[in-house]
């Protein structure tokens, strides 16, 4: 079977925003739903002939719900180049330039030039994009005035525009600022790496707390080391090195049928043992009566880190009040409350440093 690319005609615009356009396309092998990122493709309109990447559909991958517009044959992108000389997606056909906060042409360059500290800012890392709102709400429920930044790395989706969740959280005043680093792009601030991203949100973005995690679509291989979010540990090390307060949100699920993710996910254990050299705070959620005992699973972490129990319920109540719906891998909050309680508990721990 041929996989990868098809040519077709745009038959309808389903949704149109400045950073993302959803379209229907008729191709030679049938209709597909597709997404265009205007920063990469330029404008798209009904009647345009386009080339779409259908790899996810063809291979039935997790990204398989949509095709992605690669090139608009009817109106090649002709907009003037954006400011900034830092290139993301480097040496690929879609390489694009951004104005990185720390770059010499940035208005923040002088402010960030000599920065080596984030001045005690709490930094919460999580292993799933779906946990980001709960971390933020855990902070906001305890400290409503705290300015919270989401720092998206390149372990999952690269365009921040792909995340409906972030847009919902911004609208609900749960998140105040975004930053994308590595090859991820589209944040309020752009940065080159985890260190400079944390410095940027702290000093250029006036953030009081940061959440660092992947966009949607992380990868796992059923091996000890082969998963996207092992770099959760490296981010915690970066936060520690910069004089921040590193806090880990655990990935916990009693609903996931995969043995490696039941209870405390093996991904959390590996990221916080092999993946980090620093001593950090690991947030342990208060779980409802009848929940399985996690003490044995947490033993390897207790030997390396400080485990701090916290109540994640206030954060989840805040999200419910503001209409933010939580879901992970098709499972609702009701199906796997422990996953989101763990994230909100990490936010509550971060908020505690403002006492």
C-alpha atoms as a PDB file:
ATOM      1  CA  UNK A   1       0.000   0.000   0.000  1.00  0.00           C
ATOM      2  CA  UNK A   2       1.275   3.468  -0.909  1.00  0.00           C
ATOM      3  CA  UNK A   3       1.515   5.707   2.118  1.00  0.00           C
ATOM      4  CA  UNK A   4       2.396   9.279   2.815  1.00  0.00           C
ATOM      5  CA  UNK A   5       1.023  11.827   0.364  1.00  0.00           C
ATOM      6  CA  UNK A   6      -2.057  12.591  -1.721  1.00  0.00           C
ATOM      7  CA  UNK A   7      -3.166  15.457  -3.915  1.00  0.00           C
ATOM      8  CA  UNK A   8      -6.685  16.833  -3.623  1.00  0.00           C
ATOM      9  CA  UNK A   9      -9.068  19.774  -3.697  1.00  0.00           C
ATOM     10  CA  UNK A  10     -10.313  21.684  -0.652  1.00  0.00           C
ATOM     11  CA  UNK A  11     -14.113  21.331  -0.594  1.00  0.00           C
ATOM     12  CA  UNK A  12     -14.955  23.017   2.707  1.00  0.00           C
ATOM     13  CA  UNK A  13     -13.460  25.126   5.503  1.00  0.00           C
ATOM     14  CA  UNK A  14     -14.583  23.526   8.762  1.00  0.00           C
ATOM     15  CA  UNK A  15     -12.817  25.844  11.199  1.00  0.00           C
ATOM     16  CA  UNK A  16     -10.492  28.765  10.644  1.00  0.00           C
ATOM     17  CA  UNK A  17      -8.211  30.419  13.190  1.00  0.00           C
ATOM     18  CA  UNK A  18      -5.110  32.488  12.749  1.00  0.00           C
ATOM     19  CA  UNK A  19      -2.885  29.529  13.684  1.00  0.00           C
ATOM     20  CA  UNK A  20      -4.881  26.496  12.449  1.00  0.00           C
ATOM     21  CA  UNK A  21      -7.363  25.759   9.653  1.00  0.00           C
ATOM     22  CA  UNK A  22      -9.479  22.576   9.423  1.00  0.00           C
ATOM     23  CA  UNK A  23     -10.661  21.566   5.957  1.00  0.00           C
ATOM     24  CA  UNK A  24     -12.336  18.769   4.000  1.00  0.00           C
ATOM     25  CA  UNK A  25     -10.382  17.591   0.970  1.00  0.00           C
ATOM     26  CA  UNK A  26     -11.385  15.337  -1.910  1.00  0.00           C
ATOM     27  CA  UNK A  27      -8.402  13.227  -2.978  1.00  0.00           C
ATOM     28  CA  UNK A  28      -7.951  10.644  -5.703  1.00  0.00           C
ATOM     29  CA  UNK A  29      -8.529   7.882  -3.138  1.00  0.00           C
ATOM     30  CA  UNK A  30     -11.432   9.486  -1.282  1.00  0.00           C
ATOM     31  CA  UNK A  31     -12.232  12.382   1.063  1.00  0.00           C
ATOM     32  CA  UNK A  32     -10.070  13.218   4.073  1.00  0.00           C
ATOM     33  CA  UNK A  33     -10.228  15.689   6.934  1.00  0.00           C
ATOM     34  CA  UNK A  34      -7.085  17.781   7.059  1.00  0.00           C
ATOM     35  CA  UNK A  35      -5.364  20.462   9.099  1.00  0.00           C
ATOM     36  CA  UNK A  36      -3.274  23.340   7.802  1.00  0.00           C
ATOM     37  CA  UNK A  37      -0.946  25.459   9.938  1.00  0.00           C
ATOM     38  CA  UNK A  38      -0.896  28.884   8.221  1.00  0.00           C
ATOM     39  CA  UNK A  39       2.585  29.645   9.568  1.00  0.00           C
ATOM     40  CA  UNK A  40       3.857  26.753   7.438  1.00  0.00           C
ATOM     41  CA  UNK A  41       1.421  26.697   4.510  1.00  0.00           C
ATOM     42  CA  UNK A  42      -0.009  30.181   4.150  1.00  0.00           C
ATOM     43  CA  UNK A  43      -3.702  30.690   3.441  1.00  0.00           C
ATOM     44  CA  UNK A  44      -6.018  27.862   2.329  1.00  0.00           C
ATOM     45  CA  UNK A  45      -9.387  28.355   0.633  1.00  0.00           C
ATOM     46  CA  UNK A  46     -12.175  26.289  -0.925  1.00  0.00           C
ATOM     47  CA  UNK A  47     -11.174  25.159  -4.418  1.00  0.00           C
ATOM     48  CA  UNK A  48      -7.442  25.145  -3.715  1.00  0.00           C
ATOM     49  CA  UNK A  49      -5.399  22.188  -4.922  1.00  0.00           C
ATOM     50  CA  UNK A  50      -3.201  20.939  -2.097  1.00  0.00           C
ATOM     51  CA  UNK A  51      -0.735  18.202  -1.226  1.00  0.00           C
ATOM     52  CA  UNK A  52      -1.562  16.488   2.062  1.00  0.00           C
ATOM     53  CA  UNK A  53       0.472  14.201   4.277  1.00  0.00           C
ATOM     54  CA  UNK A  54      -1.726  11.182   5.083  1.00  0.00           C
ATOM     55  CA  UNK A  55       0.852   8.995   6.807  1.00  0.00           C
ATOM     56  CA  UNK A  56      -1.049   8.810  10.105  1.00  0.00           C
ATOM     57  CA  UNK A  57      -4.228   7.760   8.307  1.00  0.00           C
ATOM     58  CA  UNK A  58      -2.464   5.259   6.065  1.00  0.00           C
ATOM     59  CA  UNK A  59      -0.642   3.576   8.963  1.00  0.00           C
ATOM     60  CA  UNK A  60      -3.550   3.928  11.412  1.00  0.00           C
ATOM     61  CA  UNK A  61      -1.346   5.733  13.918  1.00  0.00           C
ATOM     62  CA  UNK A  62      -2.396   7.811  16.889  1.00  0.00           C
ATOM     63  CA  UNK A  63      -2.202  10.850  14.608  1.00  0.00           C
ATOM     64  CA  UNK A  64      -4.478   9.075  12.143  1.00  0.00           C
ATOM     65  CA  UNK A  65      -7.602  11.176  12.476  1.00  0.00           C
ATOM     66  CA  UNK A  66      -6.389  13.923  10.168  1.00  0.00           C
ATOM     67  CA  UNK A  67      -4.248  14.562   7.154  1.00  0.00           C
ATOM     68  CA  UNK A  68      -1.949  17.598   7.194  1.00  0.00           C
ATOM     69  CA  UNK A  69      -1.647  20.114   4.404  1.00  0.00           C
ATOM     70  CA  UNK A  70       1.933  20.127   3.176  1.00  0.00           C
ATOM     71  CA  UNK A  71       1.702  22.577   0.270  1.00  0.00           C
ATOM     72  CA  UNK A  72      -0.945  24.712  -1.382  1.00  0.00           C
ATOM     73  CA  UNK A  73      -0.490  24.378  -5.140  1.00  0.00           C
ATOM     74  CA  UNK A  74      -3.037  27.101  -5.866  1.00  0.00           C
ATOM     75  CA  UNK A  75      -1.463  29.830  -3.750  1.00  0.00           C
ATOM     76  CA  UNK A  76       2.138  29.154  -2.723  1.00  0.00           C
ATOM     77  CA  UNK A  77       3.049  30.916   0.488  1.00  0.00           C
ATOM     78  CA  UNK A  78       4.352  34.374  -0.367  1.00  0.00           C
ATOM     79  CA  UNK A  79       4.115  36.235   2.951  1.00  0.00           C
ATOM     80  CA  UNK A  80       7.163  38.146   4.113  1.00  0.00           C
ATOM     81  CA  UNK A  81       9.458  36.156   6.354  1.00  0.00           C
ATOM     82  CA  UNK A  82       8.763  36.471  10.055  1.00  0.00           C
ATOM     83  CA  UNK A  83      11.207  38.266  12.319  1.00  0.00           C
ATOM     84  CA  UNK A  84      13.884  36.152  13.923  1.00  0.00           C
ATOM     85  CA  UNK A  85      16.762  34.044  12.662  1.00  0.00           C
ATOM     86  CA  UNK A  86      16.293  30.950  14.860  1.00  0.00           C
ATOM     87  CA  UNK A  87      15.026  28.140  12.638  1.00  0.00           C
ATOM     88  CA  UNK A  88      12.793  25.333  13.914  1.00  0.00           C
ATOM     89  CA  UNK A  89      12.165  22.083  12.020  1.00  0.00           C
ATOM     90  CA  UNK A  90      15.699  22.728  10.774  1.00  0.00           C
ATOM     91  CA  UNK A  91      16.889  21.119   7.545  1.00  0.00           C
ATOM     92  CA  UNK A  92      13.433  19.793   6.760  1.00  0.00           C
ATOM     93  CA  UNK A  93      11.139  20.998   3.950  1.00  0.00           C
ATOM     94  CA  UNK A  94       8.996  22.750   6.581  1.00  0.00           C
ATOM     95  CA  UNK A  95      11.771  24.636   8.377  1.00  0.00           C
ATOM     96  CA  UNK A  96      10.439  27.913   9.734  1.00  0.00           C
ATOM     97  CA  UNK A  97      12.017  30.876  11.497  1.00  0.00           C
ATOM     98  CA  UNK A  98      10.911  32.274  14.838  1.00  0.00           C
ATOM     99  CA  UNK A  99      11.798  35.187  17.078  1.00  0.00           C
ATOM    100  CA  UNK A 100      13.386  33.362  20.006  1.00  0.00           C
ATOM    101  CA  UNK A 101      13.250  35.307  23.251  1.00  0.00           C
ATOM    102  CA  UNK A 102      16.977  34.954  23.832  1.00  0.00           C
ATOM    103  CA  UNK A 103      18.087  35.796  20.268  1.00  0.00           C
ATOM    104  CA  UNK A 104      20.068  39.011  19.625  1.00  0.00           C
ATOM    105  CA  UNK A 105      17.210  40.533  17.612  1.00  0.00           C
ATOM    106  CA  UNK A 106      14.692  39.925  20.416  1.00  0.00           C
ATOM    107  CA  UNK A 107      13.560  42.787  22.674  1.00  0.00           C
ATOM    108  CA  UNK A 108      14.278  40.408  25.581  1.00  0.00           C
ATOM    109  CA  UNK A 109      17.873  39.681  24.567  1.00  0.00           C
ATOM    110  CA  UNK A 110      19.566  42.126  26.904  1.00  0.00           C
ATOM    111  CA  UNK A 111      17.375  41.070  29.813  1.00  0.00           C
ATOM    112  CA  UNK A 112      18.230  37.403  29.231  1.00  0.00           C
ATOM    113  CA  UNK A 113      21.847  37.794  28.151  1.00  0.00           C
ATOM    114  CA  UNK A 114      23.469  36.979  31.495  1.00  0.00           C
ATOM    115  CA  UNK A 115      20.611  35.118  33.217  1.00  0.00           C
ATOM    116  CA  UNK A 116      21.584  31.930  35.039  1.00  0.00           C
ATOM    117  CA  UNK A 117      18.793  31.774  37.608  1.00  0.00           C
ATOM    118  CA  UNK A 118      15.002  31.564  37.718  1.00  0.00           C
ATOM    119  CA  UNK A 119      14.972  32.859  41.284  1.00  0.00           C
ATOM    120  CA  UNK A 120      13.209  30.020  43.063  1.00  0.00           C
ATOM    121  CA  UNK A 121      10.387  29.629  40.544  1.00  0.00           C
ATOM    122  CA  UNK A 122       8.489  26.337  41.005  1.00  0.00           C
ATOM    123  CA  UNK A 123       8.724  24.166  37.881  1.00  0.00           C
ATOM    124  CA  UNK A 124       6.301  21.258  37.551  1.00  0.00           C
ATOM    125  CA  UNK A 125       6.956  18.560  34.957  1.00  0.00           C
ATOM    126  CA  UNK A 126       4.344  16.094  33.766  1.00  0.00           C
ATOM    127  CA  UNK A 127       4.423  13.122  31.412  1.00  0.00           C
ATOM    128  CA  UNK A 128       1.158  13.684  29.544  1.00  0.00           C
ATOM    129  CA  UNK A 129      -0.250  16.760  27.829  1.00  0.00           C
ATOM    130  CA  UNK A 130      -3.676  15.969  29.284  1.00  0.00           C
ATOM    131  CA  UNK A 131      -2.327  16.667  32.778  1.00  0.00           C
ATOM    132  CA  UNK A 132      -1.315  20.272  32.065  1.00  0.00           C
ATOM    133  CA  UNK A 133      -4.707  21.869  32.901  1.00  0.00           C
ATOM    134  CA  UNK A 134      -4.904  20.021  36.209  1.00  0.00           C
ATOM    135  CA  UNK A 135      -1.417  21.160  37.236  1.00  0.00           C
ATOM    136  CA  UNK A 136      -2.288  24.755  36.377  1.00  0.00           C
ATOM    137  CA  UNK A 137      -5.618  24.560  38.201  1.00  0.00           C
ATOM    138  CA  UNK A 138      -3.932  23.059  41.250  1.00  0.00           C
ATOM    139  CA  UNK A 139      -1.790  26.184  41.418  1.00  0.00           C
ATOM    140  CA  UNK A 140      -4.631  28.602  40.674  1.00  0.00           C
ATOM    141  CA  UNK A 141      -7.021  27.032  43.172  1.00  0.00           C
ATOM    142  CA  UNK A 142      -4.577  27.786  45.973  1.00  0.00           C
ATOM    143  CA  UNK A 143      -3.052  30.997  44.598  1.00  0.00           C
ATOM    144  CA  UNK A 144      -5.462  32.693  42.147  1.00  0.00           C
ATOM    145  CA  UNK A 145      -3.115  35.601  41.472  1.00  0.00           C
ATOM    146  CA  UNK A 146      -0.121  33.495  40.474  1.00  0.00           C
ATOM    147  CA  UNK A 147       0.947  33.846  36.819  1.00  0.00           C
ATOM    148  CA  UNK A 148       1.313  30.351  35.341  1.00  0.00           C
ATOM    149  CA  UNK A 149       3.260  29.510  32.178  1.00  0.00           C
ATOM    150  CA  UNK A 150       3.034  26.341  30.109  1.00  0.00           C
ATOM    151  CA  UNK A 151       6.353  25.461  28.499  1.00  0.00           C
ATOM    152  CA  UNK A 152       5.853  22.929  25.689  1.00  0.00           C
ATOM    153  CA  UNK A 153       8.800  20.817  24.637  1.00  0.00           C
ATOM    154  CA  UNK A 154       9.187  18.845  21.421  1.00  0.00           C
ATOM    155  CA  UNK A 155       8.454  15.395  22.855  1.00  0.00           C
ATOM    156  CA  UNK A 156       4.975  15.348  21.283  1.00  0.00           C
ATOM    157  CA  UNK A 157       3.169  17.575  18.788  1.00  0.00           C
ATOM    158  CA  UNK A 158       5.401  20.380  17.525  1.00  0.00           C
ATOM    159  CA  UNK A 159       2.833  23.104  16.707  1.00  0.00           C
ATOM    160  CA  UNK A 160       1.289  24.524  19.869  1.00  0.00           C
ATOM    161  CA  UNK A 161      -1.733  25.348  17.707  1.00  0.00           C
ATOM    162  CA  UNK A 162      -2.556  21.617  17.641  1.00  0.00           C
ATOM    163  CA  UNK A 163      -3.575  21.754  21.309  1.00  0.00           C
ATOM    164  CA  UNK A 164      -7.255  22.580  21.764  1.00  0.00           C
ATOM    165  CA  UNK A 165      -6.607  22.017  25.467  1.00  0.00           C
ATOM    166  CA  UNK A 166      -4.204  24.940  25.766  1.00  0.00           C
ATOM    167  CA  UNK A 167      -6.622  27.233  23.967  1.00  0.00           C
ATOM    168  CA  UNK A 168      -9.413  26.161  26.333  1.00  0.00           C
ATOM    169  CA  UNK A 169      -7.203  26.772  29.358  1.00  0.00           C
ATOM    170  CA  UNK A 170      -6.255  30.234  28.144  1.00  0.00           C
ATOM    171  CA  UNK A 171      -9.917  31.107  27.644  1.00  0.00           C
ATOM    172  CA  UNK A 172     -10.709  29.817  31.145  1.00  0.00           C
ATOM    173  CA  UNK A 173      -7.887  31.885  32.700  1.00  0.00           C
ATOM    174  CA  UNK A 174      -6.116  28.770  33.933  1.00  0.00           C
ATOM    175  CA  UNK A 175      -2.968  29.438  31.894  1.00  0.00           C
ATOM    176  CA  UNK A 176      -1.459  32.897  31.446  1.00  0.00           C
ATOM    177  CA  UNK A 177       1.488  32.360  29.116  1.00  0.00           C
ATOM    178  CA  UNK A 178       2.939  29.781  26.727  1.00  0.00           C
ATOM    179  CA  UNK A 179       6.467  29.090  25.532  1.00  0.00           C
ATOM    180  CA  UNK A 180       7.710  26.544  22.989  1.00  0.00           C
ATOM    181  CA  UNK A 181      11.275  25.279  22.839  1.00  0.00           C
ATOM    182  CA  UNK A 182      13.361  22.849  20.840  1.00  0.00           C
ATOM    183  CA  UNK A 183      11.520  22.278  17.559  1.00  0.00           C
ATOM    184  CA  UNK A 184       8.116  22.992  19.077  1.00  0.00           C
ATOM    185  CA  UNK A 185       6.770  26.324  17.903  1.00  0.00           C
ATOM    186  CA  UNK A 186       3.871  28.725  18.257  1.00  0.00           C
ATOM    187  CA  UNK A 187       4.090  29.840  21.890  1.00  0.00           C
ATOM    188  CA  UNK A 188       3.771  33.397  23.142  1.00  0.00           C
ATOM    189  CA  UNK A 189       7.515  33.086  23.633  1.00  0.00           C
ATOM    190  CA  UNK A 190       9.896  30.936  21.601  1.00  0.00           C
ATOM    191  CA  UNK A 191      13.090  29.488  23.056  1.00  0.00           C
ATOM    192  CA  UNK A 192      16.010  27.328  22.029  1.00  0.00           C
ATOM    193  CA  UNK A 193      16.178  24.848  24.919  1.00  0.00           C
ATOM    194  CA  UNK A 194      14.710  23.976  28.311  1.00  0.00           C
ATOM    195  CA  UNK A 195      17.111  26.232  30.244  1.00  0.00           C
ATOM    196  CA  UNK A 196      16.480  29.296  28.119  1.00  0.00           C
ATOM    197  CA  UNK A 197      12.731  28.584  28.025  1.00  0.00           C
ATOM    198  CA  UNK A 198      12.541  28.600  31.822  1.00  0.00           C
ATOM    199  CA  UNK A 199      14.594  31.787  31.934  1.00  0.00           C
ATOM    200  CA  UNK A 200      12.342  33.356  29.294  1.00  0.00           C
ATOM    201  CA  UNK A 201       9.040  32.671  31.046  1.00  0.00           C
ATOM    202  CA  UNK A 202      10.465  33.820  34.367  1.00  0.00           C
ATOM    203  CA  UNK A 203      12.189  37.012  33.263  1.00  0.00           C
ATOM    204  CA  UNK A 204      10.605  37.978  29.936  1.00  0.00           C
ATOM    205  CA  UNK A 205       7.162  36.566  30.715  1.00  0.00           C
ATOM    206  CA  UNK A 206       6.980  37.441  34.437  1.00  0.00           C
ATOM    207  CA  UNK A 207       5.793  33.911  35.279  1.00  0.00           C
ATOM    208  CA  UNK A 208       5.541  32.890  38.916  1.00  0.00           C
ATOM    209  CA  UNK A 209       5.366  29.157  38.123  1.00  0.00           C
ATOM    210  CA  UNK A 210       5.993  27.002  35.068  1.00  0.00           C
ATOM    211  CA  UNK A 211       4.595  23.705  33.858  1.00  0.00           C
ATOM    212  CA  UNK A 212       6.834  21.832  31.423  1.00  0.00           C
ATOM    213  CA  UNK A 213       5.528  18.952  29.368  1.00  0.00           C
ATOM    214  CA  UNK A 214       4.911  17.553  25.902  1.00  0.00           C
ATOM    215  CA  UNK A 215       2.235  18.486  23.449  1.00  0.00           C
ATOM    216  CA  UNK A 216      -0.319  15.837  22.458  1.00  0.00           C
ATOM    217  CA  UNK A 217       0.969  12.584  21.032  1.00  0.00           C
ATOM    218  CA  UNK A 218       3.853  11.159  23.050  1.00  0.00           C
ATOM    219  CA  UNK A 219       5.600   7.984  21.916  1.00  0.00           C
ATOM    220  CA  UNK A 220       6.319   4.730  23.771  1.00  0.00           C
ATOM    221  CA  UNK A 221       7.975   1.487  22.657  1.00  0.00           C
ATOM    222  CA  UNK A 222       7.380  -0.944  25.560  1.00  0.00           C
ATOM    223  CA  UNK A 223      11.074  -0.682  26.429  1.00  0.00           C
ATOM    224  CA  UNK A 224      12.673   0.804  29.526  1.00  0.00           C
ATOM    225  CA  UNK A 225      14.238   3.791  27.765  1.00  0.00           C
ATOM    226  CA  UNK A 226      12.302   4.242  24.548  1.00  0.00           C
ATOM    227  CA  UNK A 227       9.635   6.796  25.425  1.00  0.00           C
ATOM    228  CA  UNK A 228       9.301  10.504  24.731  1.00  0.00           C
ATOM    229  CA  UNK A 229       8.911  11.802  28.236  1.00  0.00           C
ATOM    230  CA  UNK A 230      12.047  10.363  29.800  1.00  0.00           C
ATOM    231  CA  UNK A 231      13.281  13.955  29.410  1.00  0.00           C
ATOM    232  CA  UNK A 232      10.975  14.878  32.292  1.00  0.00           C
ATOM    233  CA  UNK A 233      14.017  14.086  34.407  1.00  0.00           C
ATOM    234  CA  UNK A 234      16.314  16.337  32.390  1.00  0.00           C
ATOM    235  CA  UNK A 235      13.888  19.256  32.744  1.00  0.00           C
ATOM    236  CA  UNK A 236      13.832  18.773  36.502  1.00  0.00           C
ATOM    237  CA  UNK A 237      17.632  18.870  36.468  1.00  0.00           C
ATOM    238  CA  UNK A 238      17.508  22.102  34.463  1.00  0.00           C
ATOM    239  CA  UNK A 239      15.097  23.664  36.951  1.00  0.00           C
ATOM    240  CA  UNK A 240      17.347  22.642  39.811  1.00  0.00           C
ATOM    241  CA  UNK A 241      20.488  23.963  38.108  1.00  0.00           C
ATOM    242  CA  UNK A 242      18.786  27.321  37.548  1.00  0.00           C
ATOM    243  CA  UNK A 243      17.835  27.676  41.194  1.00  0.00           C
ATOM    244  CA  UNK A 244      14.198  26.765  40.689  1.00  0.00           C
ATOM    245  CA  UNK A 245      12.055  24.362  42.674  1.00  0.00           C
ATOM    246  CA  UNK A 246      11.708  21.129  40.659  1.00  0.00           C
ATOM    247  CA  UNK A 247       8.417  19.270  41.198  1.00  0.00           C
ATOM    248  CA  UNK A 248       7.314  16.088  39.442  1.00  0.00           C
ATOM    249  CA  UNK A 249       3.714  15.196  38.659  1.00  0.00           C
ATOM    250  CA  UNK A 250       3.235  11.437  38.571  1.00  0.00           C
ATOM    251  CA  UNK A 251       1.466   9.537  35.840  1.00  0.00           C
ATOM    252  CA  UNK A 252      -0.944   7.303  37.744  1.00  0.00           C
ATOM    253  CA  UNK A 253      -3.795   5.237  36.333  1.00  0.00           C
ATOM    254  CA  UNK A 254      -5.897   2.359  37.587  1.00  0.00           C
ATOM    255  CA  UNK A 255      -7.840   2.275  34.300  1.00  0.00           C
ATOM    256  CA  UNK A 256      -4.996   1.718  31.833  1.00  0.00           C
ATOM    257  CA  UNK A 257      -4.959  -1.972  30.794  1.00  0.00           C
ATOM    258  CA  UNK A 258      -1.229  -1.947  29.995  1.00  0.00           C
ATOM    259  CA  UNK A 259       0.788  -3.385  32.911  1.00  0.00           C
ATOM    260  CA  UNK A 260       3.580  -0.806  32.528  1.00  0.00           C
ATOM    261  CA  UNK A 261       1.101   2.025  33.078  1.00  0.00           C
ATOM    262  CA  UNK A 262      -1.101   0.552  35.791  1.00  0.00           C
ATOM    263  CA  UNK A 263      -0.683   2.266  39.125  1.00  0.00           C
ATOM    264  CA  UNK A 264       2.381   4.487  38.920  1.00  0.00           C
ATOM    265  CA  UNK A 265       3.503   4.410  35.288  1.00  0.00           C
ATOM    266  CA  UNK A 266       6.890   2.913  34.593  1.00  0.00           C
ATOM    267  CA  UNK A 267       7.564   6.049  32.569  1.00  0.00           C
ATOM    268  CA  UNK A 268       7.365   8.135  35.757  1.00  0.00           C
ATOM    269  CA  UNK A 269       9.602   5.722  37.655  1.00  0.00           C
ATOM    270  CA  UNK A 270      12.289   5.665  34.952  1.00  0.00           C
ATOM    271  CA  UNK A 271      12.220   9.421  34.332  1.00  0.00           C
ATOM    272  CA  UNK A 272      12.614  10.076  38.060  1.00  0.00           C
ATOM    273  CA  UNK A 273      15.345   7.508  38.694  1.00  0.00           C
ATOM    274  CA  UNK A 274      17.490   6.958  35.595  1.00  0.00           C
ATOM    275  CA  UNK A 275      16.353  10.204  33.972  1.00  0.00           C
ATOM    276  CA  UNK A 276      17.243  12.714  36.676  1.00  0.00           C
ATOM    277  CA  UNK A 277      20.343  13.383  38.737  1.00  0.00           C
ATOM    278  CA  UNK A 278      18.812  15.992  41.078  1.00  0.00           C
ATOM    279  CA  UNK A 279      16.840  15.478  44.258  1.00  0.00           C
ATOM    280  CA  UNK A 280      13.359  16.817  43.523  1.00  0.00           C
ATOM    281  CA  UNK A 281       9.923  16.967  45.095  1.00  0.00           C
ATOM    282  CA  UNK A 282       7.497  14.300  43.865  1.00  0.00           C
ATOM    283  CA  UNK A 283       3.836  15.153  44.422  1.00  0.00           C
ATOM    284  CA  UNK A 284       1.751  12.228  45.688  1.00  0.00           C
ATOM    285  CA  UNK A 285      -2.008  12.747  45.405  1.00  0.00           C
ATOM    286  CA  UNK A 286      -4.500  12.072  48.133  1.00  0.00           C
ATOM    287  CA  UNK A 287      -6.642   9.324  46.608  1.00  0.00           C
ATOM    288  CA  UNK A 288     -10.211   8.354  47.499  1.00  0.00           C
ATOM    289  CA  UNK A 289     -10.865   5.457  49.856  1.00  0.00           C
ATOM    290  CA  UNK A 290     -10.531   2.086  48.208  1.00  0.00           C
ATOM    291  CA  UNK A 291      -7.794   3.171  45.826  1.00  0.00           C
ATOM    292  CA  UNK A 292      -4.878   0.717  45.579  1.00  0.00           C
ATOM    293  CA  UNK A 293      -1.913   1.319  47.882  1.00  0.00           C
ATOM    294  CA  UNK A 294       0.947   2.908  45.947  1.00  0.00           C
ATOM    295  CA  UNK A 295       3.593   2.727  48.677  1.00  0.00           C
ATOM    296  CA  UNK A 296       5.488  -0.200  47.150  1.00  0.00           C
ATOM    297  CA  UNK A 297       5.464   1.334  43.669  1.00  0.00           C
ATOM    298  CA  UNK A 298       6.751   4.616  45.094  1.00  0.00           C
ATOM    299  CA  UNK A 299       9.590   3.023  47.054  1.00  0.00           C
ATOM    300  CA  UNK A 300      12.258   3.624  44.334  1.00  0.00           C
ATOM    301  CA  UNK A 301      11.290   7.289  44.280  1.00  0.00           C
ATOM    302  CA  UNK A 302      11.276   7.646  48.060  1.00  0.00           C
ATOM    303  CA  UNK A 303      14.912   6.531  48.088  1.00  0.00           C
ATOM    304  CA  UNK A 304      15.926   9.361  45.730  1.00  0.00           C
ATOM    305  CA  UNK A 305      13.489  12.217  46.223  1.00  0.00           C
ATOM    306  CA  UNK A 306      11.203  13.983  48.666  1.00  0.00           C
ATOM    307  CA  UNK A 307       7.637  12.662  48.406  1.00  0.00           C
ATOM    308  CA  UNK A 308       5.022  15.226  49.397  1.00  0.00           C
ATOM    309  CA  UNK A 309       1.324  14.362  49.626  1.00  0.00           C
ATOM    310  CA  UNK A 310      -1.209  16.959  48.499  1.00  0.00           C
ATOM    311  CA  UNK A 311      -4.897  17.254  47.737  1.00  0.00           C
ATOM    312  CA  UNK A 312      -5.685  17.656  44.048  1.00  0.00           C
ATOM    313  CA  UNK A 313      -9.456  17.948  44.471  1.00  0.00           C
ATOM    314  CA  UNK A 314      -9.589  21.789  44.649  1.00  0.00           C
ATOM    315  CA  UNK A 315      -7.868  22.100  41.294  1.00  0.00           C
ATOM    316  CA  UNK A 316     -10.263  19.677  39.630  1.00  0.00           C
ATOM    317  CA  UNK A 317     -13.193  21.558  41.133  1.00  0.00           C
ATOM    318  CA  UNK A 318     -11.853  24.780  39.638  1.00  0.00           C
ATOM    319  CA  UNK A 319     -11.633  23.210  36.181  1.00  0.00           C
ATOM    320  CA  UNK A 320     -15.182  21.937  36.468  1.00  0.00           C
ATOM    321  CA  UNK A 321     -16.367  25.380  37.515  1.00  0.00           C
ATOM    322  CA  UNK A 322     -14.696  26.940  34.461  1.00  0.00           C
ATOM    323  CA  UNK A 323     -15.907  24.331  32.006  1.00  0.00           C
ATOM    324  CA  UNK A 324     -12.570  22.667  31.229  1.00  0.00           C
ATOM    325  CA  UNK A 325     -13.226  19.017  30.361  1.00  0.00           C
ATOM    326  CA  UNK A 326     -10.441  16.559  31.191  1.00  0.00           C
ATOM    327  CA  UNK A 327      -9.775  13.508  29.044  1.00  0.00           C
ATOM    328  CA  UNK A 328      -6.726  11.351  28.401  1.00  0.00           C
ATOM    329  CA  UNK A 329      -6.437   8.639  25.775  1.00  0.00           C
ATOM    330  CA  UNK A 330     -10.187   8.526  25.460  1.00  0.00           C
ATOM    331  CA  UNK A 331     -10.747   8.225  29.210  1.00  0.00           C
ATOM    332  CA  UNK A 332     -12.724  10.812  31.118  1.00  0.00           C
ATOM    333  CA  UNK A 333     -12.007  12.297  34.524  1.00  0.00           C
ATOM    334  CA  UNK A 334     -14.591   9.899  35.968  1.00  0.00           C
ATOM    335  CA  UNK A 335     -12.822   6.914  34.394  1.00  0.00           C
ATOM    336  CA  UNK A 336      -9.353   7.793  35.658  1.00  0.00           C
ATOM    337  CA  UNK A 337      -9.557  10.478  38.390  1.00  0.00           C
ATOM    338  CA  UNK A 338      -6.189   9.453  39.831  1.00  0.00           C
ATOM    339  CA  UNK A 339      -4.355  10.684  36.714  1.00  0.00           C
ATOM    340  CA  UNK A 340      -5.723  14.185  37.116  1.00  0.00           C
ATOM    341  CA  UNK A 341      -5.601  14.212  40.914  1.00  0.00           C
ATOM    342  CA  UNK A 342      -1.874  13.489  40.620  1.00  0.00           C
ATOM    343  CA  UNK A 343      -1.405  16.459  38.297  1.00  0.00           C
ATOM    344  CA  UNK A 344      -3.491  18.842  40.387  1.00  0.00           C
ATOM    345  CA  UNK A 345      -1.650  17.709  43.508  1.00  0.00           C
ATOM    346  CA  UNK A 346       1.635  18.746  41.866  1.00  0.00           C
ATOM    347  CA  UNK A 347       0.114  22.167  41.245  1.00  0.00           C
ATOM    348  CA  UNK A 348      -0.944  22.378  44.879  1.00  0.00           C
ATOM    349  CA  UNK A 349       2.614  21.542  45.942  1.00  0.00           C
ATOM    350  CA  UNK A 350       3.951  24.285  43.684  1.00  0.00           C
ATOM    351  CA  UNK A 351       1.463  26.763  45.153  1.00  0.00           C
ATOM    352  CA  UNK A 352       2.671  25.851  48.633  1.00  0.00           C
ATOM    353  CA  UNK A 353       5.990  27.529  47.942  1.00  0.00           C
ATOM    354  CA  UNK A 354       4.209  30.891  47.970  1.00  0.00           C
ATOM    355  CA  UNK A 355       3.189  30.585  51.626  1.00  0.00           C
END
